[in-house]
Amino acid sequence: MLGFGGFLGLGNDHYPLPWQSLKYDTALGGYRTGVTESQLRGAPKYRNDNDWNWGDATRTRALDDYYGVPVI
């Protein structure tokens, strides 16, 4: 998940990302993604006061569809 906006963690928007969109970079010590700024503009998001429910298959499928993750 990516987080943007707000100040000191307040008012942030959180963008859930499919695991398949993340690649671990050992030199960076973290994950990289090929998600573009234009994709994020219309991406599903939530605020701190709402939880993203990864157990909700409908929401997860919609997220995968949005980012073009193939069905496995």
PDB file of N, CA and C in Angstrom:
ATOM      1  N   MET A   1       0.844  -1.157   0.000  1.00  0.00           N
ATOM      2  CA  MET A   1       0.000   0.000   0.000  1.00  0.00           C
ATOM      3  C   MET A   1       0.893   1.224   0.000  1.00  0.00           C
ATOM      4  N   LEU A   2       0.486   2.228  -0.735  1.00  0.00           N
ATOM      5  CA  LEU A   2       1.169   3.512  -0.780  1.00  0.00           C
ATOM      6  C   LEU A   2       0.340   4.519  -0.003  1.00  0.00           C
ATOM      7  N   GLY A   3       0.990   5.449   0.650  1.00  0.00           N
ATOM      8  CA  GLY A   3       0.292   6.499   1.370  1.00  0.00           C
ATOM      9  C   GLY A   3       0.792   7.860   0.931  1.00  0.00           C
ATOM     10  N   PHE A   4      -0.138   8.789   0.679  1.00  0.00           N
ATOM     11  CA  PHE A   4       0.215  10.134   0.243  1.00  0.00           C
ATOM     12  C   PHE A   4      -0.648  11.158   0.939  1.00  0.00           C
ATOM     13  N   GLY A   5      -0.119  12.375   0.998  1.00  0.00           N
ATOM     14  CA  GLY A   5      -0.878  13.499   1.509  1.00  0.00           C
ATOM     15  C   GLY A   5      -0.824  13.586   3.011  1.00  0.00           C
ATOM     16  N   GLY A   6      -1.572  14.508   3.516  1.00  0.00           N
ATOM     17  CA  GLY A   6      -1.655  14.673   4.960  1.00  0.00           C
ATOM     18  C   GLY A   6      -0.391  15.259   5.549  1.00  0.00           C
ATOM     19  N   PHE A   7      -0.371  15.308   6.857  1.00  0.00           N
ATOM     20  CA  PHE A   7       0.760  15.845   7.607  1.00  0.00           C
ATOM     21  C   PHE A   7       0.935  15.000   8.848  1.00  0.00           C
ATOM     22  N   LEU A   8       2.132  14.473   9.050  1.00  0.00           N
ATOM     23  CA  LEU A   8       2.455  13.607  10.189  1.00  0.00           C
ATOM     24  C   LEU A   8       1.489  12.421  10.282  1.00  0.00           C
ATOM     25  N   GLY A   9       1.116  11.901   9.123  1.00  0.00           N
ATOM     26  CA  GLY A   9       0.249  10.728   9.098  1.00  0.00           C
ATOM     27  C   GLY A   9      -1.234  11.021   9.213  1.00  0.00           C
ATOM     28  N   LEU A  10      -1.604  12.265   9.361  1.00  0.00           N
ATOM     29  CA  LEU A  10      -3.020  12.634   9.468  1.00  0.00           C
ATOM     30  C   LEU A  10      -3.529  13.083   8.108  1.00  0.00           C
ATOM     31  N   GLY A  11      -4.676  12.553   7.706  1.00  0.00           N
ATOM     32  CA  GLY A  11      -5.276  12.937   6.444  1.00  0.00           C
ATOM     33  C   GLY A  11      -4.669  12.261   5.227  1.00  0.00           C
ATOM     34  N   ASN A  12      -3.876  11.219   5.440  1.00  0.00           N
ATOM     35  CA  ASN A  12      -3.278  10.497   4.317  1.00  0.00           C
ATOM     36  C   ASN A  12      -4.330   9.721   3.534  1.00  0.00           C
ATOM     37  N   ASP A  13      -4.088   9.596   2.234  1.00  0.00           N
ATOM     38  CA  ASP A  13      -4.827   8.663   1.402  1.00  0.00           C
ATOM     39  C   ASP A  13      -3.961   7.428   1.241  1.00  0.00           C
ATOM     40  N   HIS A  14      -4.558   6.255   1.345  1.00  0.00           N
ATOM     41  CA  HIS A  14      -3.834   4.990   1.221  1.00  0.00           C
ATOM     42  C   HIS A  14      -4.307   4.275  -0.034  1.00  0.00           C
ATOM     43  N   TYR A  15      -3.350   3.794  -0.817  1.00  0.00           N
ATOM     44  CA  TYR A  15      -3.631   3.121  -2.071  1.00  0.00           C
ATOM     45  C   TYR A  15      -3.172   1.673  -1.982  1.00  0.00           C
ATOM     46  N   PRO A  16      -4.109   0.729  -1.879  1.00  0.00           N
ATOM     47  CA  PRO A  16      -3.721  -0.685  -1.854  1.00  0.00           C
ATOM     48  C   PRO A  16      -3.198  -1.095  -3.229  1.00  0.00           C
ATOM     49  N   LEU A  17      -2.154  -1.916  -3.228  1.00  0.00           N
ATOM     50  CA  LEU A  17      -1.557  -2.404  -4.471  1.00  0.00           C
ATOM     51  C   LEU A  17      -1.567  -3.923  -4.481  1.00  0.00           C
ATOM     52  N   PRO A  18      -1.789  -4.518  -5.633  1.00  0.00           N
ATOM     53  CA  PRO A  18      -1.690  -5.976  -5.713  1.00  0.00           C
ATOM     54  C   PRO A  18      -0.239  -6.406  -5.468  1.00  0.00           C
ATOM     55  N   TRP A  19      -0.045  -7.517  -4.769  1.00  0.00           N
ATOM     56  CA  TRP A  19       1.311  -8.020  -4.514  1.00  0.00           C
ATOM     57  C   TRP A  19       2.082  -8.217  -5.809  1.00  0.00           C
ATOM     58  N   GLN A  20       1.375  -8.631  -6.867  1.00  0.00           N
ATOM     59  CA  GLN A  20       2.039  -8.901  -8.137  1.00  0.00           C
ATOM     60  C   GLN A  20       2.662  -7.649  -8.740  1.00  0.00           C
ATOM     61  N   SER A  21       2.238  -6.467  -8.299  1.00  0.00           N
ATOM     62  CA  SER A  21       2.792  -5.218  -8.834  1.00  0.00           C
ATOM     63  C   SER A  21       4.071  -4.801  -8.113  1.00  0.00           C
ATOM     64  N   LEU A  22       4.450  -5.536  -7.070  1.00  0.00           N
ATOM     65  CA  LEU A  22       5.634  -5.192  -6.277  1.00  0.00           C
ATOM     66  C   LEU A  22       6.785  -6.150  -6.570  1.00  0.00           C
ATOM     67  N   LYS A  23       7.963  -5.595  -6.674  1.00  0.00           N
ATOM     68  CA  LYS A  23       9.184  -6.390  -6.851  1.00  0.00           C
ATOM     69  C   LYS A  23      10.192  -5.947  -5.801  1.00  0.00           C
ATOM     70  N   TYR A  24      10.761  -6.908  -5.078  1.00  0.00           N
ATOM     71  CA  TYR A  24      11.718  -6.564  -4.021  1.00  0.00           C
ATOM     72  C   TYR A  24      13.070  -6.227  -4.646  1.00  0.00           C
ATOM     73  N   ASP A  25      13.645  -5.114  -4.235  1.00  0.00           N
ATOM     74  CA  ASP A  25      14.946  -4.646  -4.715  1.00  0.00           C
ATOM     75  C   ASP A  25      15.928  -4.730  -3.556  1.00  0.00           C
ATOM     76  N   THR A  26      16.869  -5.682  -3.633  1.00  0.00           N
ATOM     77  CA  THR A  26      17.812  -5.883  -2.535  1.00  0.00           C
ATOM     78  C   THR A  26      18.722  -4.672  -2.335  1.00  0.00           C
ATOM     79  N   ALA A  27      19.086  -3.976  -3.405  1.00  0.00           N
ATOM     80  CA  ALA A  27      19.933  -2.783  -3.282  1.00  0.00           C
ATOM     81  C   ALA A  27      19.196  -1.666  -2.549  1.00  0.00           C
ATOM     82  N   LEU A  28      17.910  -1.567  -2.786  1.00  0.00           N
ATOM     83  CA  LEU A  28      17.082  -0.550  -2.140  1.00  0.00           C
ATOM     84  C   LEU A  28      16.702  -0.972  -0.724  1.00  0.00           C
ATOM     85  N   GLY A  29      16.579  -2.285  -0.533  1.00  0.00           N
ATOM     86  CA  GLY A  29      16.106  -2.783   0.754  1.00  0.00           C
ATOM     87  C   GLY A  29      14.610  -2.590   0.914  1.00  0.00           C
ATOM     88  N   GLY A  30      13.920  -2.556  -0.220  1.00  0.00           N
ATOM     89  CA  GLY A  30      12.478  -2.355  -0.199  1.00  0.00           C
ATOM     90  C   GLY A  30      11.873  -2.727  -1.532  1.00  0.00           C
ATOM     91  N   TYR A  31      10.607  -2.422  -1.670  1.00  0.00           N
ATOM     92  CA  TYR A  31       9.877  -2.793  -2.883  1.00  0.00           C
ATOM     93  C   TYR A  31       9.838  -1.655  -3.893  1.00  0.00           C
ATOM     94  N   ARG A  32       9.821  -2.036  -5.158  1.00  0.00           N
ATOM     95  CA  ARG A  32       9.608  -1.119  -6.274  1.00  0.00           C
ATOM     96  C   ARG A  32       8.313  -1.543  -6.960  1.00  0.00           C
ATOM     97  N   THR A  33       7.697  -0.567  -7.604  1.00  0.00           N
ATOM     98  CA  THR A  33       6.488  -0.867  -8.367  1.00  0.00           C
ATOM     99  C   THR A  33       6.507  -0.078  -9.661  1.00  0.00           C
ATOM    100  N   GLY A  34       5.840  -0.587 -10.663  1.00  0.00           N
ATOM    101  CA  GLY A  34       5.744   0.106 -11.943  1.00  0.00           C
ATOM    102  C   GLY A  34       4.467   0.915 -12.073  1.00  0.00           C
ATOM    103  N   VAL A  35       3.767   1.118 -10.971  1.00  0.00           N
ATOM    104  CA  VAL A  35       2.515   1.883 -10.989  1.00  0.00           C
ATOM    105  C   VAL A  35       2.842   3.333 -11.340  1.00  0.00           C
ATOM    106  N   THR A  36       2.080   3.875 -12.281  1.00  0.00           N
ATOM    107  CA  THR A  36       2.327   5.239 -12.730  1.00  0.00           C
ATOM    108  C   THR A  36       1.487   6.251 -11.951  1.00  0.00           C
ATOM    109  N   GLU A  37       1.887   7.489 -12.058  1.00  0.00           N
ATOM    110  CA  GLU A  37       1.139   8.566 -11.400  1.00  0.00           C
ATOM    111  C   GLU A  37      -0.280   8.652 -11.948  1.00  0.00           C
ATOM    112  N   SER A  38      -0.432   8.465 -13.251  1.00  0.00           N
ATOM    113  CA  SER A  38      -1.782   8.532 -13.828  1.00  0.00           C
ATOM    114  C   SER A  38      -2.660   7.377 -13.348  1.00  0.00           C
ATOM    115  N   GLN A  39      -2.063   6.195 -13.115  1.00  0.00           N
ATOM    116  CA  GLN A  39      -2.838   5.087 -12.548  1.00  0.00           C
ATOM    117  C   GLN A  39      -3.308   5.426 -11.135  1.00  0.00           C
ATOM    118  N   LEU A  40      -2.460   6.059 -10.353  1.00  0.00           N
ATOM    119  CA  LEU A  40      -2.824   6.395  -8.976  1.00  0.00           C
ATOM    120  C   LEU A  40      -3.940   7.433  -8.906  1.00  0.00           C
ATOM    121  N   ARG A  41      -4.018   8.296  -9.893  1.00  0.00           N
ATOM    122  CA  ARG A  41      -5.052   9.348  -9.870  1.00  0.00           C
ATOM    123  C   ARG A  41      -6.462   8.771  -9.802  1.00  0.00           C
ATOM    124  N   GLY A  42      -6.699   7.632 -10.466  1.00  0.00           N
ATOM    125  CA  GLY A  42      -8.032   7.041 -10.451  1.00  0.00           C
ATOM    126  C   GLY A  42      -8.118   5.761  -9.647  1.00  0.00           C
ATOM    127  N   ALA A  43      -7.060   5.446  -8.916  1.00  0.00           N
ATOM    128  CA  ALA A  43      -6.979   4.168  -8.207  1.00  0.00           C
ATOM    129  C   ALA A  43      -7.898   4.110  -6.990  1.00  0.00           C
ATOM    130  N   PRO A  44      -8.309   2.900  -6.632  1.00  0.00           N
ATOM    131  CA  PRO A  44      -9.051   2.723  -5.377  1.00  0.00           C
ATOM    132  C   PRO A  44      -8.192   3.189  -4.207  1.00  0.00           C
ATOM    133  N   LYS A  45      -8.820   3.850  -3.247  1.00  0.00           N
ATOM    134  CA  LYS A  45      -8.068   4.341  -2.084  1.00  0.00           C
ATOM    135  C   LYS A  45      -8.969   4.370  -0.869  1.00  0.00           C
ATOM    136  N   TYR A  46      -8.357   4.560   0.271  1.00  0.00           N
ATOM    137  CA  TYR A  46      -9.112   4.718   1.509  1.00  0.00           C
ATOM    138  C   TYR A  46      -8.338   5.633   2.440  1.00  0.00           C
ATOM    139  N   ARG A  47      -9.012   6.132   3.448  1.00  0.00           N
ATOM    140  CA  ARG A  47      -8.402   7.021   4.439  1.00  0.00           C
ATOM    141  C   ARG A  47      -8.106   6.238   5.715  1.00  0.00           C
ATOM    142  N   ASN A  48      -7.451   6.873   6.656  1.00  0.00           N
ATOM    143  CA  ASN A  48      -7.109   6.221   7.921  1.00  0.00           C
ATOM    144  C   ASN A  48      -8.333   5.702   8.670  1.00  0.00           C
ATOM    145  N   ASP A  49      -9.464   6.399   8.530  1.00  0.00           N
ATOM    146  CA  ASP A  49     -10.643   6.008   9.297  1.00  0.00           C
ATOM    147  C   ASP A  49     -11.398   4.831   8.684  1.00  0.00           C
ATOM    148  N   ASN A  50     -10.962   4.364   7.541  1.00  0.00           N
ATOM    149  CA  ASN A  50     -11.567   3.182   6.906  1.00  0.00           C
ATOM    150  C   ASN A  50     -10.496   2.119   6.728  1.00  0.00           C
ATOM    151  N   ASP A  51     -10.888   0.889   6.838  1.00  0.00           N
ATOM    152  CA  ASP A  51      -9.947  -0.203   6.599  1.00  0.00           C
ATOM    153  C   ASP A  51     -10.205  -0.802   5.237  1.00  0.00           C
ATOM    154  N   TRP A  52      -9.147  -1.157   4.558  1.00  0.00           N
ATOM    155  CA  TRP A  52      -9.280  -1.914   3.310  1.00  0.00           C
ATOM    156  C   TRP A  52      -9.425  -3.371   3.701  1.00  0.00           C
ATOM    157  N   ASN A  53     -10.432  -4.020   3.220  1.00  0.00           N
ATOM    158  CA  ASN A  53     -10.699  -5.405   3.586  1.00  0.00           C
ATOM    159  C   ASN A  53     -10.142  -6.339   2.508  1.00  0.00           C
ATOM    160  N   TRP A  54      -8.940  -6.882   2.746  1.00  0.00           N
ATOM    161  CA  TRP A  54      -8.313  -7.790   1.782  1.00  0.00           C
ATOM    162  C   TRP A  54      -9.072  -9.105   1.693  1.00  0.00           C
ATOM    163  N   GLY A  55      -9.898  -9.408   2.668  1.00  0.00           N
ATOM    164  CA  GLY A  55     -10.688 -10.630   2.644  1.00  0.00           C
ATOM    165  C   GLY A  55     -11.921 -10.533   1.757  1.00  0.00           C
ATOM    166  N   ASP A  56     -12.251  -9.338   1.311  1.00  0.00           N
ATOM    167  CA  ASP A  56     -13.398  -9.122   0.435  1.00  0.00           C
ATOM    168  C   ASP A  56     -12.970  -9.419  -1.003  1.00  0.00           C
ATOM    169  N   ALA A  57     -13.360 -10.590  -1.510  1.00  0.00           N
ATOM    170  CA  ALA A  57     -12.916 -11.030  -2.843  1.00  0.00           C
ATOM    171  C   ALA A  57     -13.356 -10.068  -3.944  1.00  0.00           C
ATOM    172  N   THR A  58     -14.506  -9.441  -3.788  1.00  0.00           N
ATOM    173  CA  THR A  58     -14.996  -8.505  -4.800  1.00  0.00           C
ATOM    174  C   THR A  58     -14.091  -7.285  -4.895  1.00  0.00           C
ATOM    175  N   ARG A  59     -13.702  -6.725  -3.750  1.00  0.00           N
ATOM    176  CA  ARG A  59     -12.821  -5.562  -3.744  1.00  0.00           C
ATOM    177  C   ARG A  59     -11.433  -5.917  -4.260  1.00  0.00           C
ATOM    178  N   THR A  60     -10.930  -7.070  -3.848  1.00  0.00           N
ATOM    179  CA  THR A  60      -9.597  -7.492  -4.279  1.00  0.00           C
ATOM    180  C   THR A  60      -9.580  -7.734  -5.788  1.00  0.00           C
ATOM    181  N   ARG A  61     -10.616  -8.368  -6.322  1.00  0.00           N
ATOM    182  CA  ARG A  61     -10.701  -8.614  -7.772  1.00  0.00           C
ATOM    183  C   ARG A  61     -10.783  -7.296  -8.525  1.00  0.00           C
ATOM    184  N   ALA A  62     -11.569  -6.335  -8.010  1.00  0.00           N
ATOM    185  CA  ALA A  62     -11.684  -5.022  -8.642  1.00  0.00           C
ATOM    186  C   ALA A  62     -10.330  -4.314  -8.656  1.00  0.00           C
ATOM    187  N   LEU A  63      -9.575  -4.447  -7.587  1.00  0.00           N
ATOM    188  CA  LEU A  63      -8.239  -3.853  -7.509  1.00  0.00           C
ATOM    189  C   LEU A  63      -7.317  -4.492  -8.537  1.00  0.00           C
ATOM    190  N   ASP A  64      -7.325  -5.823  -8.612  1.00  0.00           N
ATOM    191  CA  ASP A  64      -6.507  -6.530  -9.602  1.00  0.00           C
ATOM    192  C   ASP A  64      -6.904  -6.130 -11.020  1.00  0.00           C
ATOM    193  N   ASP A  65      -8.211  -6.022 -11.270  1.00  0.00           N
ATOM    194  CA  ASP A  65      -8.690  -5.609 -12.590  1.00  0.00           C
ATOM    195  C   ASP A  65      -8.212  -4.202 -12.926  1.00  0.00           C
ATOM    196  N   TYR A  66      -8.285  -3.306 -11.947  1.00  0.00           N
ATOM    197  CA  TYR A  66      -7.861  -1.922 -12.179  1.00  0.00           C
ATOM    198  C   TYR A  66      -6.408  -1.851 -12.632  1.00  0.00           C
ATOM    199  N   TYR A  67      -5.545  -2.615 -11.964  1.00  0.00           N
ATOM    200  CA  TYR A  67      -4.116  -2.594 -12.291  1.00  0.00           C
ATOM    201  C   TYR A  67      -3.733  -3.602 -13.370  1.00  0.00           C
ATOM    202  N   GLY A  68      -4.702  -4.351 -13.887  1.00  0.00           N
ATOM    203  CA  GLY A  68      -4.428  -5.288 -14.960  1.00  0.00           C
ATOM    204  C   GLY A  68      -3.677  -6.532 -14.526  1.00  0.00           C
ATOM    205  N   VAL A  69      -3.895  -6.963 -13.290  1.00  0.00           N
ATOM    206  CA  VAL A  69      -3.254  -8.189 -12.796  1.00  0.00           C
ATOM    207  C   VAL A  69      -4.016  -9.382 -13.346  1.00  0.00           C
ATOM    208  N   PRO A  70      -3.305 -10.320 -14.003  1.00  0.00           N
ATOM    209  CA  PRO A  70      -4.018 -11.469 -14.574  1.00  0.00           C
ATOM    210  C   PRO A  70      -4.570 -12.391 -13.502  1.00  0.00           C
ATOM    211  N   VAL A  71      -5.674 -13.055 -13.833  1.00  0.00           N
ATOM    212  CA  VAL A  71      -6.274 -14.044 -12.955  1.00  0.00           C
ATOM    213  C   VAL A  71      -5.391 -15.275 -12.965  1.00  0.00           C
ATOM    214  N   ILE A  72      -5.057 -15.765 -11.788  1.00  0.00           N
ATOM    215  CA  ILE A  72      -4.174 -16.938 -11.678  1.00  0.00           C
ATOM    216  C   ILE A  72      -4.999 -18.184 -11.476  1.00  0.00           C
TER     217      ILE A  72
END
